[in-house]
């Protein structure tokens, strides 16, 4: 059986996500603290402001979330509620305020 390789120009993310994305040498986090973003939830699109950028594993609501410089995760404060969500980069879209 031959090992699976990602498509040319793509980098394999950690096994848990099984997603691929474009990556350039030395690429850092796509978003920064204070960026306004949106994401999709069960209730529809939600907007918020990034409050933390994680580039190493961290605890969130009693669970260890995996993050690295190549696959950062973000904590986002919802615009409408006090809820803080944690998401991977691929789940977020930057929007204007």
Protein backbone atom coordinates (compact mmCIF):
# COMPACT_ATOMS: atom_id res chain seq x y z
CA UNK A 1 0.00 0.00 0.00
CA UNK A 2 1.38 3.40 -0.99
CA UNK A 3 1.42 6.27 1.53
CA UNK A 4 -0.88 9.21 0.82
CA UNK A 5 0.83 12.50 0.00
CA UNK A 6 -0.88 15.92 0.06
CA UNK A 7 -1.44 17.69 -3.26
CA UNK A 8 1.53 19.73 -4.60
CA UNK A 9 1.84 23.11 -2.86
CA UNK A 10 -0.23 21.98 0.13
CA UNK A 11 0.90 21.10 3.65
CA UNK A 12 -0.76 18.41 5.73
CA UNK A 13 -2.19 19.76 8.98
CA UNK A 14 -2.22 17.67 12.17
CA UNK A 15 -4.06 14.36 11.80
CA UNK A 16 -7.08 15.49 13.80
CA UNK A 17 -8.11 18.07 11.20
CA UNK A 18 -7.31 16.19 7.97
CA UNK A 19 -7.48 19.44 6.05
CA UNK A 20 -4.90 20.97 3.78
CA UNK A 21 -4.05 24.60 3.16
CA UNK A 22 -1.58 26.69 1.21
CA UNK A 23 1.61 27.36 3.15
CA UNK A 24 4.63 29.50 2.45
CA UNK A 25 8.02 29.20 4.15
CA UNK A 26 8.04 30.98 7.50
CA UNK A 27 4.30 31.69 7.41
CA UNK A 28 2.96 32.94 10.73
CA UNK A 29 -0.58 33.15 12.08
CA UNK A 30 -3.08 34.46 9.54
CA UNK A 31 -4.98 36.51 12.14
CA UNK A 32 -3.87 38.75 15.02
CA UNK A 33 -5.26 39.78 18.39
CA UNK A 34 -7.91 42.45 17.79
CA UNK A 35 -8.92 41.23 14.30
CA UNK A 36 -12.68 41.12 13.64
CA UNK A 37 -13.73 37.72 12.28
CA UNK A 38 -16.79 35.58 11.54
CA UNK A 39 -17.38 31.84 11.75
CA UNK A 40 -20.20 29.42 11.20
CA UNK A 41 -22.01 27.88 14.19
CA UNK A 42 -25.16 25.82 14.69
CA UNK A 43 -27.06 29.11 15.03
CA UNK A 44 -25.62 30.60 11.82
CA UNK A 45 -22.79 33.07 11.28
CA UNK A 46 -21.28 34.60 14.42
CA UNK A 47 -18.91 37.58 14.59
CA UNK A 48 -16.35 38.48 17.21
CA UNK A 49 -12.91 39.84 18.02
CA UNK A 50 -9.81 37.69 18.48
CA UNK A 51 -8.68 37.94 22.10
CA UNK A 52 -5.83 35.36 22.09
CA UNK A 53 -3.67 33.60 19.50
CA UNK A 54 -2.38 30.17 20.58
CA UNK A 55 0.71 28.69 18.92
CA UNK A 56 1.16 25.85 21.44
CA UNK A 57 -1.20 23.40 23.13
CA UNK A 58 -3.61 25.02 25.62
CA UNK A 59 -6.47 24.15 27.96
CA UNK A 60 -9.95 25.28 26.90
CA UNK A 61 -13.10 24.37 28.84
CA UNK A 62 -11.40 21.39 30.45
CA UNK A 63 -9.88 19.97 27.25
CA UNK A 64 -6.44 20.21 25.69
CA UNK A 65 -6.57 21.95 22.32
CA UNK A 66 -3.70 21.30 19.91
CA UNK A 67 -2.04 24.34 18.36
CA UNK A 68 1.34 25.17 16.81
CA UNK A 69 3.00 27.95 14.81
CA UNK A 70 1.96 26.10 11.64
CA UNK A 71 -1.60 25.46 12.87
CA UNK A 72 -2.56 28.19 15.38
CA UNK A 73 -5.89 28.36 17.19
CA UNK A 74 -7.72 31.49 18.25
CA UNK A 75 -9.94 32.52 21.16
CA UNK A 76 -12.67 34.88 19.97
CA UNK A 77 -15.00 37.05 22.06
CA UNK A 78 -18.48 37.09 20.50
CA UNK A 79 -19.84 40.52 19.54
CA UNK A 80 -23.35 39.74 20.85
CA UNK A 81 -22.71 37.66 23.99
CA UNK A 82 -20.05 37.04 26.63
CA UNK A 83 -19.23 33.71 24.97
CA UNK A 84 -15.60 32.99 24.12
CA UNK A 85 -15.04 30.44 21.35
CA UNK A 86 -11.85 28.64 20.24
CA UNK A 87 -11.38 27.94 16.54
CA UNK A 88 -8.80 26.81 14.04
CA UNK A 89 -7.64 29.22 11.36
CA UNK A 90 -9.62 27.51 8.58
CA UNK A 91 -12.92 28.14 10.37
CA UNK A 92 -12.47 31.94 10.47
CA UNK A 93 -12.92 34.72 7.93
CA UNK A 94 -11.62 38.25 8.52
CA UNK A 95 -14.28 40.95 8.17
CA UNK A 96 -14.43 44.76 8.39
CA UNK A 97 -15.71 46.33 11.58
